Structure formats: C-alpha cells, structure tokens
Amino acid sequence: TYIWIDGTGLKLECKTRTLDATPVNIADYPIWNYGRDGYIKPVADYPDPFLGGQNKLVLCETLNTDMKPTATNHRANAALVMEQANKYAPWFGMKQEYCLFDHDGSTLGGRRFVYGNYTPRNIAAVGREIVQAHYRLCLHAGLKIYSTNAGRARASGRSLSGPTMESPWETRCGWPTTSFNVSPSSSESSPTSIPRPRTSSLW
C-alpha cells in the first residue's frame, strides 16, 4: 500500500498495487502516478500490520510531472539537510498531540456520557483501547514510536516517535483503521478537527 501526504499537506492518501516480485530494497518499488499531475516515489517501507503476510506500507514523496518535489513535499529538502549533517549522526524525536472525536463532533466521552456509566475517576481512560491498539500496530510495523500517554483533557493524548524524520506521518497511518468509529485528530491546522477543542458545549 503506497501512502503519501495529499496536496493540502495535512492528510494522508493511499492506494494499493500488486508487484510481480518481492522488493529487496526501496529502489525496487516503482514510481507510480497519482491523480493527473503527479507521481509518488517510495522512500521507506514497513511490514503492513493490517494485511500481514508479505504486504508492505510504503511511504512516498510526491513529485510533479517534471519529477521535482511538489509544493507540499517538505521531506525532499529535509533529506538534503540530513544528508549534509549525516556525519554528526543527528537524532530527534517528534511529539504528536491528538484528541478523539465522536461522529457528532463531540469529544469521545463527552457530556452525553458523563452522567451515564462514566464517573470522574474513569473519564481519563476514555479511548484507551484505541490508543493501545494503535500503539501495538505501530510496533508490529517496526515504526519508531517509543511512548504514548493520556493528556489532561478528556479523550486527548500524545505519542512520541523518532529518530527518523518520517516517524510522525508513519505513526498516523494506523489511526483510520484503529479508531473504532471515532475521528482522531493530529494537527491543529486540520480542517476537520483540532487536538483540544477550546469552546464546545459537549466538551
């Protein structure tokens, strides 16, 4: 399954193909077209924790028809910088904060649950099974995720990944499949959700 960042720079897209032979290294994956005006170039691959077997998740860069990076392909410049600094063996990690939303737009475990089976003591555990399932999938795929914990707000949390620069996007791949019919956010600039709602009657 090829995965890439869409034209907004905020979301992931994917499509799946079958190859005649099992790739030995990343160069064995063919560059593929997407849409009408671009290509996706594989840059990293990982075992697919969803399909299993010989299936792979293949992270890609986006290229224009002239094979130059698209406007939202910031990895290309980052790769050049990292190559220049390679002798220093730089390491860095990324923290991603998120919030889990129900499909009615309220945070998971919001007001409509508070007076039901939930109590203040176990509100902090809302969404725990989702987070743990996502964590297990990331580890199974060999992604560099090394920490996760709940946030202070209801149904919020954070995960830490690294040291590779692809890690933040890699770890997002599992959210749609593990989200148990809720909508996870992972970017303050997302058009559909934000990590921590500031004003909501359902918060």
N, C-alpha and C. Protein backbone atom coordinates (compact mmCIF):
# COMPACT_ATOMS: atom_id res chain seq x y z
N THR A 1 0.84 -1.19 0.00
CA THR A 1 0.00 0.00 0.00
C THR A 1 0.88 1.25 0.00
N TYR A 2 0.78 2.06 -1.04
CA TYR A 2 1.53 3.31 -1.13
C TYR A 2 0.79 4.39 -0.32
N ILE A 3 1.53 5.13 0.47
CA ILE A 3 0.96 6.18 1.32
C ILE A 3 1.70 7.47 1.07
N TRP A 4 0.98 8.58 0.94
CA TRP A 4 1.62 9.87 0.72
C TRP A 4 0.78 10.99 1.32
N ILE A 5 1.41 12.16 1.50
CA ILE A 5 0.73 13.34 2.02
C ILE A 5 0.02 14.03 0.86
N ASP A 6 -1.24 14.38 1.07
CA ASP A 6 -2.02 14.95 -0.03
C ASP A 6 -1.63 16.40 -0.32
N GLY A 7 -2.31 17.00 -1.29
CA GLY A 7 -1.96 18.34 -1.74
C GLY A 7 -2.16 19.43 -0.71
N THR A 8 -2.96 19.16 0.33
CA THR A 8 -3.14 20.16 1.40
C THR A 8 -1.98 20.14 2.37
N GLY A 9 -1.21 19.04 2.37
CA GLY A 9 -0.12 18.90 3.32
C GLY A 9 -0.59 18.48 4.69
N LEU A 10 -1.87 18.11 4.82
CA LEU A 10 -2.45 17.82 6.13
C LEU A 10 -2.91 16.37 6.28
N LYS A 11 -3.24 15.73 5.19
CA LYS A 11 -3.82 14.40 5.29
C LYS A 11 -3.03 13.37 4.48
N LEU A 12 -3.28 12.11 4.82
CA LEU A 12 -2.65 11.02 4.10
C LEU A 12 -3.61 10.42 3.08
N GLU A 13 -3.07 10.01 1.95
CA GLU A 13 -3.83 9.26 0.96
C GLU A 13 -3.10 7.94 0.71
N CYS A 14 -3.80 6.98 0.14
CA CYS A 14 -3.15 5.70 -0.14
C CYS A 14 -3.83 4.99 -1.31
N LYS A 15 -3.09 4.11 -1.94
CA LYS A 15 -3.66 3.18 -2.91
C LYS A 15 -2.75 1.96 -2.97
N THR A 16 -3.33 0.86 -3.37
CA THR A 16 -2.65 -0.43 -3.27
C THR A 16 -2.38 -1.02 -4.64
N ARG A 17 -1.24 -1.68 -4.77
CA ARG A 17 -0.91 -2.37 -6.01
C ARG A 17 -0.21 -3.68 -5.71
N THR A 18 -0.20 -4.57 -6.69
CA THR A 18 0.47 -5.86 -6.57
C THR A 18 1.68 -5.88 -7.49
N LEU A 19 2.83 -6.33 -6.96
CA LEU A 19 4.06 -6.40 -7.74
C LEU A 19 4.37 -7.84 -8.12
N ASP A 20 5.11 -8.00 -9.19
CA ASP A 20 5.44 -9.34 -9.68
C ASP A 20 6.50 -10.03 -8.83
N ALA A 21 7.31 -9.24 -8.12
CA ALA A 21 8.37 -9.80 -7.29
C ALA A 21 8.45 -9.02 -5.98
N THR A 22 8.95 -9.68 -4.95
CA THR A 22 9.08 -9.03 -3.64
C THR A 22 10.26 -8.07 -3.66
N PRO A 23 10.06 -6.79 -3.39
CA PRO A 23 11.17 -5.82 -3.39
C PRO A 23 12.21 -6.17 -2.33
N VAL A 24 13.47 -6.02 -2.69
CA VAL A 24 14.57 -6.27 -1.76
C VAL A 24 14.95 -4.98 -1.05
N ASN A 25 14.91 -3.87 -1.77
CA ASN A 25 15.20 -2.57 -1.17
C ASN A 25 14.22 -1.54 -1.74
N ILE A 26 14.30 -0.33 -1.22
CA ILE A 26 13.30 0.69 -1.57
C ILE A 26 13.33 1.04 -3.06
N ALA A 27 14.50 0.89 -3.69
CA ALA A 27 14.61 1.22 -5.11
C ALA A 27 13.83 0.24 -5.99
N ASP A 28 13.46 -0.92 -5.43
CA ASP A 28 12.73 -1.92 -6.21
C ASP A 28 11.25 -1.57 -6.36
N TYR A 29 10.77 -0.63 -5.55
CA TYR A 29 9.37 -0.21 -5.68
C TYR A 29 9.26 0.81 -6.83
N PRO A 30 8.37 0.60 -7.76
CA PRO A 30 8.26 1.54 -8.88
C PRO A 30 7.62 2.86 -8.48
N ILE A 31 8.08 3.93 -9.13
CA ILE A 31 7.41 5.22 -9.00
C ILE A 31 6.04 5.07 -9.67
N TRP A 32 5.03 5.69 -9.07
CA TRP A 32 3.65 5.48 -9.52
C TRP A 32 2.98 6.83 -9.72
N ASN A 33 2.08 6.91 -10.66
CA ASN A 33 1.35 8.16 -10.86
C ASN A 33 0.19 8.25 -9.87
N TYR A 34 -0.19 9.47 -9.53
CA TYR A 34 -1.41 9.67 -8.73
C TYR A 34 -2.13 10.89 -9.28
N GLY A 35 -3.43 10.82 -9.33
CA GLY A 35 -4.17 11.91 -9.95
C GLY A 35 -3.77 12.06 -11.40
N ARG A 36 -3.78 13.29 -11.89
CA ARG A 36 -3.43 13.55 -13.29
C ARG A 36 -2.09 14.25 -13.44
N ASP A 37 -1.61 14.84 -12.35
CA ASP A 37 -0.47 15.74 -12.48
C ASP A 37 0.70 15.42 -11.56
N GLY A 38 0.88 14.19 -11.17
CA GLY A 38 1.98 13.93 -10.28
C GLY A 38 2.34 12.47 -10.14
N TYR A 39 3.42 12.24 -9.40
CA TYR A 39 3.92 10.90 -9.15
C TYR A 39 4.22 10.74 -7.66
N ILE A 40 4.21 9.49 -7.22
CA ILE A 40 4.60 9.17 -5.85
C ILE A 40 5.83 8.28 -5.91
N LYS A 41 6.85 8.68 -5.17
CA LYS A 41 8.13 7.98 -5.17
C LYS A 41 8.36 7.33 -3.80
N PRO A 42 8.48 6.01 -3.73
CA PRO A 42 8.70 5.33 -2.46
C PRO A 42 10.02 5.76 -1.80
N VAL A 43 9.97 6.00 -0.49
CA VAL A 43 11.17 6.40 0.24
C VAL A 43 11.42 5.53 1.47
N ALA A 44 10.40 4.79 1.92
CA ALA A 44 10.57 3.91 3.09
C ALA A 44 9.45 2.87 3.08
N ASP A 45 9.76 1.67 3.56
CA ASP A 45 8.72 0.64 3.64
C ASP A 45 8.75 -0.07 4.98
N TYR A 46 7.58 -0.61 5.35
CA TYR A 46 7.41 -1.25 6.66
C TYR A 46 6.44 -2.42 6.52
N PRO A 47 6.55 -3.42 7.38
CA PRO A 47 5.57 -4.51 7.35
C PRO A 47 4.16 -3.95 7.57
N ASP A 48 3.21 -4.43 6.80
CA ASP A 48 1.83 -3.96 6.91
C ASP A 48 1.13 -4.71 8.05
N PRO A 49 0.83 -4.03 9.17
CA PRO A 49 0.21 -4.72 10.30
C PRO A 49 -1.27 -5.02 10.08
N PHE A 50 -1.86 -4.43 9.04
CA PHE A 50 -3.28 -4.64 8.77
C PHE A 50 -3.50 -5.87 7.89
N LEU A 51 -2.73 -5.98 6.81
CA LEU A 51 -2.91 -7.09 5.87
C LEU A 51 -2.00 -8.27 6.17
N GLY A 52 -0.86 -8.02 6.85
CA GLY A 52 0.04 -9.09 7.21
C GLY A 52 0.72 -9.71 6.00
N GLY A 53 1.28 -10.90 6.18
CA GLY A 53 1.96 -11.60 5.09
C GLY A 53 3.12 -10.80 4.54
N GLN A 54 3.27 -10.79 3.22
CA GLN A 54 4.35 -10.05 2.57
C GLN A 54 3.95 -8.61 2.23
N ASN A 55 2.79 -8.20 2.66
CA ASN A 55 2.32 -6.85 2.35
C ASN A 55 3.14 -5.79 3.08
N LYS A 56 3.28 -4.64 2.44
CA LYS A 56 4.07 -3.55 2.99
C LYS A 56 3.30 -2.24 2.97
N LEU A 57 3.62 -1.38 3.93
CA LEU A 57 3.22 0.02 3.87
C LEU A 57 4.39 0.77 3.28
N VAL A 58 4.16 1.51 2.22
CA VAL A 58 5.26 2.18 1.51
C VAL A 58 5.04 3.69 1.56
N LEU A 59 5.87 4.37 2.34
CA LEU A 59 5.77 5.83 2.45
C LEU A 59 6.40 6.47 1.22
N CYS A 60 5.71 7.45 0.64
CA CYS A 60 6.17 8.05 -0.62
C CYS A 60 6.29 9.57 -0.54
N GLU A 61 7.18 10.11 -1.35
CA GLU A 61 7.23 11.54 -1.62
C GLU A 61 6.37 11.84 -2.84
N THR A 62 5.89 13.06 -2.92
CA THR A 62 5.11 13.46 -4.09
C THR A 62 5.96 14.31 -5.04
N LEU A 63 5.84 14.02 -6.33
CA LEU A 63 6.62 14.71 -7.36
C LEU A 63 5.70 15.27 -8.43
N ASN A 64 6.10 16.40 -9.01
CA ASN A 64 5.39 16.95 -10.16
C ASN A 64 5.73 16.15 -11.41
N THR A 65 5.12 16.50 -12.53
CA THR A 65 5.38 15.78 -13.77
C THR A 65 6.82 15.94 -14.26
N ASP A 66 7.51 17.00 -13.78
CA ASP A 66 8.92 17.17 -14.13
C ASP A 66 9.83 16.44 -13.15
N MET A 67 9.22 15.64 -12.27
CA MET A 67 9.92 14.81 -11.28
C MET A 67 10.59 15.64 -10.19
N LYS A 68 10.18 16.88 -10.04
CA LYS A 68 10.66 17.71 -8.94
C LYS A 68 9.65 17.68 -7.81
N PRO A 69 10.09 17.92 -6.55
CA PRO A 69 9.17 17.85 -5.41
C PRO A 69 7.98 18.80 -5.55
N THR A 70 6.82 18.35 -5.11
CA THR A 70 5.64 19.21 -5.10
C THR A 70 5.78 20.26 -4.00
N ALA A 71 4.87 21.21 -3.99
CA ALA A 71 4.93 22.30 -3.01
C ALA A 71 4.79 21.80 -1.58
N THR A 72 4.08 20.69 -1.39
CA THR A 72 3.88 20.17 -0.04
C THR A 72 4.86 19.04 0.30
N ASN A 73 5.81 18.77 -0.57
CA ASN A 73 6.82 17.75 -0.31
C ASN A 73 8.00 18.39 0.41
N HIS A 74 7.86 18.55 1.72
CA HIS A 74 8.93 19.16 2.51
C HIS A 74 10.01 18.14 2.89
N ARG A 75 9.72 16.88 2.70
CA ARG A 75 10.70 15.86 3.04
C ARG A 75 11.94 15.95 2.16
N ALA A 76 11.77 16.34 0.90
CA ALA A 76 12.89 16.40 -0.03
C ALA A 76 13.99 17.34 0.48
N ASN A 77 13.60 18.54 0.91
CA ASN A 77 14.59 19.48 1.45
C ASN A 77 15.15 18.98 2.78
N ALA A 78 14.29 18.38 3.60
CA ALA A 78 14.75 17.86 4.88
C ALA A 78 15.78 16.76 4.67
N ALA A 79 15.58 15.93 3.65
CA ALA A 79 16.52 14.85 3.36
C ALA A 79 17.89 15.41 2.96
N LEU A 80 17.89 16.51 2.20
CA LEU A 80 19.16 17.14 1.82
C LEU A 80 19.90 17.66 3.04
N VAL A 81 19.17 18.30 3.94
CA VAL A 81 19.78 18.83 5.17
C VAL A 81 20.34 17.70 6.02
N MET A 82 19.56 16.62 6.16
CA MET A 82 20.01 15.50 6.97
C MET A 82 21.23 14.82 6.35
N GLU A 83 21.29 14.79 5.03
CA GLU A 83 22.44 14.20 4.35
C GLU A 83 23.70 15.02 4.62
N GLN A 84 23.56 16.34 4.62
CA GLN A 84 24.70 17.22 4.88
C GLN A 84 25.17 17.10 6.33
N ALA A 85 24.24 16.78 7.22
CA ALA A 85 24.59 16.67 8.64
C ALA A 85 24.81 15.23 9.07
N ASN A 86 24.87 14.33 8.11
CA ASN A 86 24.92 12.91 8.42
C ASN A 86 26.12 12.53 9.29
N LYS A 87 27.25 13.19 9.10
CA LYS A 87 28.45 12.85 9.87
C LYS A 87 28.29 13.12 11.35
N TYR A 88 27.32 13.97 11.69
CA TYR A 88 27.07 14.28 13.10
C TYR A 88 26.07 13.31 13.74
N ALA A 89 25.53 12.39 12.95
CA ALA A 89 24.55 11.40 13.41
C ALA A 89 23.44 12.04 14.23
N PRO A 90 22.72 13.01 13.66
CA PRO A 90 21.67 13.70 14.42
C PRO A 90 20.50 12.79 14.77
N TRP A 91 19.96 13.00 15.95
CA TRP A 91 18.76 12.30 16.41
C TRP A 91 17.75 13.34 16.86
N PHE A 92 16.50 13.10 16.57
CA PHE A 92 15.46 13.95 17.13
C PHE A 92 14.15 13.17 17.16
N GLY A 93 13.30 13.58 18.06
CA GLY A 93 12.01 12.92 18.19
C GLY A 93 10.88 13.90 17.95
N MET A 94 9.70 13.37 17.72
CA MET A 94 8.52 14.20 17.47
C MET A 94 7.41 13.84 18.46
N LYS A 95 6.77 14.87 18.98
CA LYS A 95 5.60 14.64 19.83
C LYS A 95 4.35 15.05 19.07
N GLN A 96 3.38 14.15 18.99
CA GLN A 96 2.12 14.45 18.34
C GLN A 96 1.00 14.42 19.37
N GLU A 97 0.29 15.52 19.49
CA GLU A 97 -0.87 15.56 20.37
C GLU A 97 -2.13 15.35 19.54
N TYR A 98 -3.12 14.74 20.14
CA TYR A 98 -4.34 14.46 19.40
C TYR A 98 -5.53 14.44 20.35
N CYS A 99 -6.72 14.45 19.77
CA CYS A 99 -7.95 14.33 20.53
C CYS A 99 -8.88 13.41 19.73
N LEU A 100 -9.67 12.61 20.43
CA LEU A 100 -10.59 11.68 19.78
C LEU A 100 -12.00 12.26 19.81
N PHE A 101 -12.62 12.30 18.63
CA PHE A 101 -13.96 12.88 18.50
C PHE A 101 -14.97 11.81 18.10
N ASP A 102 -16.18 11.94 18.63
CA ASP A 102 -17.28 11.12 18.16
C ASP A 102 -17.77 11.72 16.85
N HIS A 103 -18.62 10.99 16.12
CA HIS A 103 -19.05 11.48 14.81
C HIS A 103 -20.04 12.63 14.90
N ASP A 104 -20.54 12.93 16.10
CA ASP A 104 -21.42 14.10 16.22
C ASP A 104 -20.62 15.36 16.52
N GLY A 105 -19.29 15.24 16.50
CA GLY A 105 -18.44 16.40 16.73
C GLY A 105 -18.03 16.60 18.16
N SER A 106 -18.61 15.84 19.09
CA SER A 106 -18.23 15.97 20.50
C SER A 106 -16.99 15.12 20.77
N THR A 107 -16.25 15.49 21.80
CA THR A 107 -15.11 14.67 22.17
C THR A 107 -15.60 13.33 22.70
N LEU A 108 -14.84 12.28 22.45
CA LEU A 108 -15.21 10.95 22.91
C LEU A 108 -15.37 10.96 24.43
N GLY A 109 -16.50 10.46 24.92
CA GLY A 109 -16.74 10.50 26.36
C GLY A 109 -17.17 11.87 26.82
N GLY A 110 -17.80 12.64 25.93
CA GLY A 110 -18.22 14.00 26.26
C GLY A 110 -19.41 14.03 27.20
N ARG A 111 -20.09 15.17 27.21
CA ARG A 111 -21.13 15.41 28.20
C ARG A 111 -22.23 14.36 28.19
N ARG A 112 -22.52 13.82 27.02
CA ARG A 112 -23.63 12.88 26.95
C ARG A 112 -23.32 11.57 27.65
N PHE A 113 -22.02 11.35 28.00
CA PHE A 113 -21.66 10.15 28.74
C PHE A 113 -21.39 10.42 30.22
N VAL A 114 -21.09 11.64 30.56
CA VAL A 114 -20.63 11.94 31.91
C VAL A 114 -21.64 11.53 32.96
N TYR A 115 -22.92 11.67 32.67
CA TYR A 115 -23.93 11.36 33.66
C TYR A 115 -24.50 9.95 33.49
N GLY A 116 -23.85 9.15 32.66
CA GLY A 116 -24.26 7.77 32.47
C GLY A 116 -23.36 6.84 33.26
N ASN A 117 -22.70 5.93 32.54
CA ASN A 117 -21.87 4.94 33.21
C ASN A 117 -20.50 5.47 33.60
N TYR A 118 -20.11 6.64 33.06
CA TYR A 118 -18.79 7.17 33.35
C TYR A 118 -18.81 7.98 34.64
N THR A 119 -17.72 7.96 35.33
CA THR A 119 -17.54 8.76 36.54
C THR A 119 -16.26 9.56 36.37
N PRO A 120 -16.04 10.61 37.18
CA PRO A 120 -14.81 11.39 37.06
C PRO A 120 -13.55 10.54 37.17
N ARG A 121 -13.63 9.43 37.90
CA ARG A 121 -12.44 8.60 38.09
C ARG A 121 -12.01 7.91 36.80
N ASN A 122 -12.97 7.44 36.01
CA ASN A 122 -12.56 6.70 34.81
C ASN A 122 -12.70 7.48 33.52
N ILE A 123 -13.06 8.76 33.61
CA ILE A 123 -13.12 9.60 32.41
C ILE A 123 -11.76 9.66 31.72
N ALA A 124 -10.67 9.66 32.51
CA ALA A 124 -9.32 9.77 31.94
C ALA A 124 -8.98 8.58 31.05
N ALA A 125 -9.71 7.47 31.21
CA ALA A 125 -9.42 6.27 30.44
C ALA A 125 -10.18 6.22 29.13
N VAL A 126 -10.97 7.23 28.82
CA VAL A 126 -11.76 7.23 27.59
C VAL A 126 -10.83 7.11 26.38
N GLY A 127 -11.09 6.14 25.53
CA GLY A 127 -10.28 5.95 24.33
C GLY A 127 -9.02 5.15 24.52
N ARG A 128 -8.81 4.62 25.72
CA ARG A 128 -7.56 3.90 25.98
C ARG A 128 -7.38 2.72 25.04
N GLU A 129 -8.46 1.96 24.77
CA GLU A 129 -8.34 0.78 23.91
C GLU A 129 -7.94 1.18 22.49
N ILE A 130 -8.35 2.38 22.05
CA ILE A 130 -7.98 2.86 20.73
C ILE A 130 -6.49 3.17 20.68
N VAL A 131 -6.02 3.88 21.69
CA VAL A 131 -4.61 4.25 21.76
C VAL A 131 -3.72 3.02 21.84
N GLN A 132 -4.12 2.04 22.65
CA GLN A 132 -3.30 0.83 22.79
C GLN A 132 -3.28 0.01 21.51
N ALA A 133 -4.41 -0.06 20.82
CA ALA A 133 -4.45 -0.79 19.55
C ALA A 133 -3.54 -0.11 18.52
N HIS A 134 -3.59 1.22 18.47
CA HIS A 134 -2.73 1.97 17.55
C HIS A 134 -1.26 1.75 17.88
N TYR A 135 -0.93 1.76 19.17
CA TYR A 135 0.46 1.56 19.61
C TYR A 135 0.97 0.18 19.17
N ARG A 136 0.14 -0.84 19.39
CA ARG A 136 0.55 -2.21 19.02
C ARG A 136 0.78 -2.33 17.51
N LEU A 137 -0.08 -1.71 16.73
CA LEU A 137 0.08 -1.76 15.27
C LEU A 137 1.37 -1.08 14.83
N CYS A 138 1.68 0.06 15.44
CA CYS A 138 2.92 0.76 15.10
C CYS A 138 4.14 -0.10 15.42
N LEU A 139 4.13 -0.74 16.60
CA LEU A 139 5.25 -1.59 16.98
C LEU A 139 5.37 -2.79 16.05
N HIS A 140 4.24 -3.37 15.68
CA HIS A 140 4.25 -4.52 14.77
C HIS A 140 4.84 -4.15 13.42
N ALA A 141 4.59 -2.93 12.98
CA ALA A 141 5.11 -2.47 11.69
C ALA A 141 6.56 -2.03 11.77
N GLY A 142 7.13 -2.02 12.98
CA GLY A 142 8.52 -1.60 13.13
C GLY A 142 8.71 -0.10 13.11
N LEU A 143 7.64 0.65 13.36
CA LEU A 143 7.75 2.11 13.38
C LEU A 143 8.44 2.57 14.66
N LYS A 144 9.12 3.70 14.57
CA LYS A 144 9.89 4.22 15.69
C LYS A 144 9.00 5.03 16.63
N ILE A 145 8.09 4.35 17.29
CA ILE A 145 7.25 5.00 18.30
C ILE A 145 7.70 4.46 19.66
N TYR A 146 7.95 5.35 20.61
CA TYR A 146 8.53 4.87 21.86
C TYR A 146 7.80 5.34 23.10
N SER A 147 6.70 6.05 22.95
CA SER A 147 5.98 6.49 24.15
C SER A 147 4.58 6.95 23.77
N THR A 148 3.64 6.74 24.66
CA THR A 148 2.30 7.29 24.50
C THR A 148 1.70 7.50 25.87
N ASN A 149 0.91 8.51 26.02
CA ASN A 149 0.24 8.76 27.30
C ASN A 149 -0.98 9.64 27.10
N ALA A 150 -1.88 9.58 28.07
CA ALA A 150 -3.10 10.38 28.01
C ALA A 150 -2.78 11.84 28.29
N GLY A 151 -3.59 12.73 27.73
CA GLY A 151 -3.45 14.15 28.01
C GLY A 151 -4.31 14.56 29.19
N ARG A 152 -4.27 15.82 29.54
CA ARG A 152 -5.08 16.30 30.66
C ARG A 152 -6.54 16.42 30.29
N ALA A 153 -6.81 16.75 29.04
CA ALA A 153 -8.19 16.90 28.59
C ALA A 153 -8.79 15.53 28.27
N ARG A 154 -10.10 15.42 28.36
CA ARG A 154 -10.78 14.17 28.08
C ARG A 154 -10.52 13.72 26.64
N ALA A 155 -10.23 12.42 26.48
CA ALA A 155 -10.03 11.80 25.16
C ALA A 155 -8.87 12.40 24.39
N SER A 156 -7.93 13.00 25.08
CA SER A 156 -6.74 13.55 24.41
C SER A 156 -5.52 12.74 24.82
N GLY A 157 -4.47 12.85 24.04
CA GLY A 157 -3.26 12.13 24.36
C GLY A 157 -2.12 12.60 23.49
N ARG A 158 -1.01 11.91 23.62
CA ARG A 158 0.16 12.26 22.81
C ARG A 158 1.00 11.01 22.59
N SER A 159 1.71 10.99 21.50
CA SER A 159 2.65 9.92 21.22
C SER A 159 3.98 10.53 20.81
N LEU A 160 5.06 9.86 21.15
CA LEU A 160 6.40 10.32 20.80
C LEU A 160 7.02 9.32 19.84
N SER A 161 7.63 9.83 18.79
CA SER A 161 8.23 8.96 17.78
C SER A 161 9.55 9.56 17.31
N GLY A 162 10.36 8.74 16.71
CA GLY A 162 11.66 9.16 16.21
C GLY A 162 12.64 8.01 16.34
N PRO A 163 13.87 8.17 15.88
CA PRO A 163 14.52 9.42 15.46
C PRO A 163 14.39 9.73 13.97
N THR A 164 13.66 8.95 13.18
CA THR A 164 13.59 9.23 11.75
C THR A 164 12.61 10.35 11.45
N MET A 165 12.86 11.09 10.38
CA MET A 165 12.02 12.24 10.07
C MET A 165 10.66 11.83 9.53
N GLU A 166 10.53 10.57 9.10
CA GLU A 166 9.23 10.10 8.62
C GLU A 166 8.28 9.71 9.74
N SER A 167 8.81 9.56 10.96
CA SER A 167 8.05 8.97 12.05
C SER A 167 6.67 9.57 12.30
N PRO A 168 6.52 10.91 12.35
CA PRO A 168 5.19 11.45 12.64
C PRO A 168 4.12 11.00 11.66
N TRP A 169 4.46 10.97 10.36
CA TRP A 169 3.47 10.56 9.36
C TRP A 169 3.29 9.06 9.36
N GLU A 170 4.37 8.33 9.62
CA GLU A 170 4.26 6.87 9.68
C GLU A 170 3.25 6.45 10.74
N THR A 171 3.36 7.05 11.93
CA THR A 171 2.50 6.63 13.02
C THR A 171 1.05 7.03 12.81
N ARG A 172 0.79 8.00 11.93
CA ARG A 172 -0.59 8.38 11.65
C ARG A 172 -1.30 7.37 10.75
N CYS A 173 -0.54 6.54 10.07
CA CYS A 173 -1.14 5.60 9.12
C CYS A 173 -2.16 4.70 9.79
N GLY A 174 -1.94 4.34 11.05
CA GLY A 174 -2.82 3.38 11.70
C GLY A 174 -4.09 3.95 12.27
N TRP A 175 -4.18 5.27 12.39
CA TRP A 175 -5.35 5.85 13.05
C TRP A 175 -6.68 5.51 12.39
N PRO A 176 -6.83 5.65 11.07
CA PRO A 176 -8.15 5.38 10.48
C PRO A 176 -8.66 3.97 10.74
N THR A 177 -7.77 2.99 10.79
CA THR A 177 -8.18 1.60 10.95
C THR A 177 -8.43 1.24 12.41
N THR A 178 -7.74 1.90 13.33
CA THR A 178 -7.86 1.53 14.74
C THR A 178 -8.79 2.45 15.51
N SER A 179 -9.45 3.38 14.84
CA SER A 179 -10.17 4.43 15.57
C SER A 179 -11.57 4.04 16.03
N PHE A 180 -12.00 2.80 15.80
CA PHE A 180 -13.23 2.30 16.42
C PHE A 180 -14.43 3.22 16.22
N ASN A 181 -14.59 3.72 15.00
CA ASN A 181 -15.75 4.55 14.65
C ASN A 181 -15.73 5.93 15.31
N VAL A 182 -14.53 6.42 15.66
CA VAL A 182 -14.40 7.80 16.11
C VAL A 182 -13.43 8.50 15.17
N SER A 183 -13.30 9.82 15.32
CA SER A 183 -12.45 10.59 14.42
C SER A 183 -11.26 11.16 15.19
N PRO A 184 -10.05 10.62 14.99
CA PRO A 184 -8.89 11.17 15.67
C PRO A 184 -8.34 12.38 14.93
N SER A 185 -7.83 13.34 15.67
CA SER A 185 -7.15 14.48 15.06
C SER A 185 -5.67 14.33 15.34
N SER A 186 -4.84 15.03 14.56
CA SER A 186 -3.41 15.01 14.84
C SER A 186 -2.74 16.27 14.34
N SER A 187 -3.52 17.31 14.07
CA SER A 187 -2.94 18.55 13.57
C SER A 187 -3.82 19.72 13.92
N GLU A 188 -3.23 20.79 14.45
CA GLU A 188 -4.01 21.96 14.80
C GLU A 188 -4.59 22.64 13.57
N SER A 189 -3.99 22.38 12.41
CA SER A 189 -4.47 23.03 11.19
C SER A 189 -5.39 22.12 10.38
N SER A 190 -5.77 20.98 10.96
CA SER A 190 -6.66 20.08 10.25
C SER A 190 -8.01 20.74 10.00
N PRO A 191 -8.56 20.61 8.80
CA PRO A 191 -9.84 21.24 8.51
C PRO A 191 -11.02 20.55 9.16
N THR A 192 -10.81 19.34 9.71
CA THR A 192 -11.94 18.60 10.26
C THR A 192 -11.92 18.50 11.77
N SER A 193 -10.79 18.72 12.40
CA SER A 193 -10.73 18.59 13.85
C SER A 193 -9.48 19.27 14.38
N ILE A 194 -9.47 19.53 15.67
CA ILE A 194 -8.31 20.12 16.32
C ILE A 194 -7.97 19.29 17.55
N PRO A 195 -6.71 19.34 18.03
CA PRO A 195 -6.32 18.48 19.14
C PRO A 195 -7.12 18.71 20.41
N ARG A 196 -7.35 19.96 20.79
CA ARG A 196 -8.03 20.25 22.04
C ARG A 196 -9.07 21.34 21.83
N PRO A 197 -10.32 20.99 21.70
CA PRO A 197 -11.35 22.00 21.49
C PRO A 197 -11.37 22.98 22.65
N ARG A 198 -11.45 24.25 22.33
CA ARG A 198 -11.42 25.27 23.38
C ARG A 198 -12.81 25.69 23.81
N THR A 199 -13.76 25.66 22.88
CA THR A 199 -15.12 26.04 23.22
C THR A 199 -16.08 25.03 22.62
N SER A 200 -16.80 24.33 23.46
CA SER A 200 -17.79 23.36 22.98
C SER A 200 -18.72 23.00 24.11
N SER A 201 -20.01 23.02 23.85
CA SER A 201 -20.98 22.66 24.87
C SER A 201 -20.92 21.17 25.19
N LEU A 202 -20.27 20.40 24.30
CA LEU A 202 -20.17 18.97 24.53
C LEU A 202 -18.82 18.57 25.09
N TRP A 203 -17.97 19.52 25.42
CA TRP A 203 -16.63 19.21 25.92
C TRP A 203 -16.66 18.74 27.36
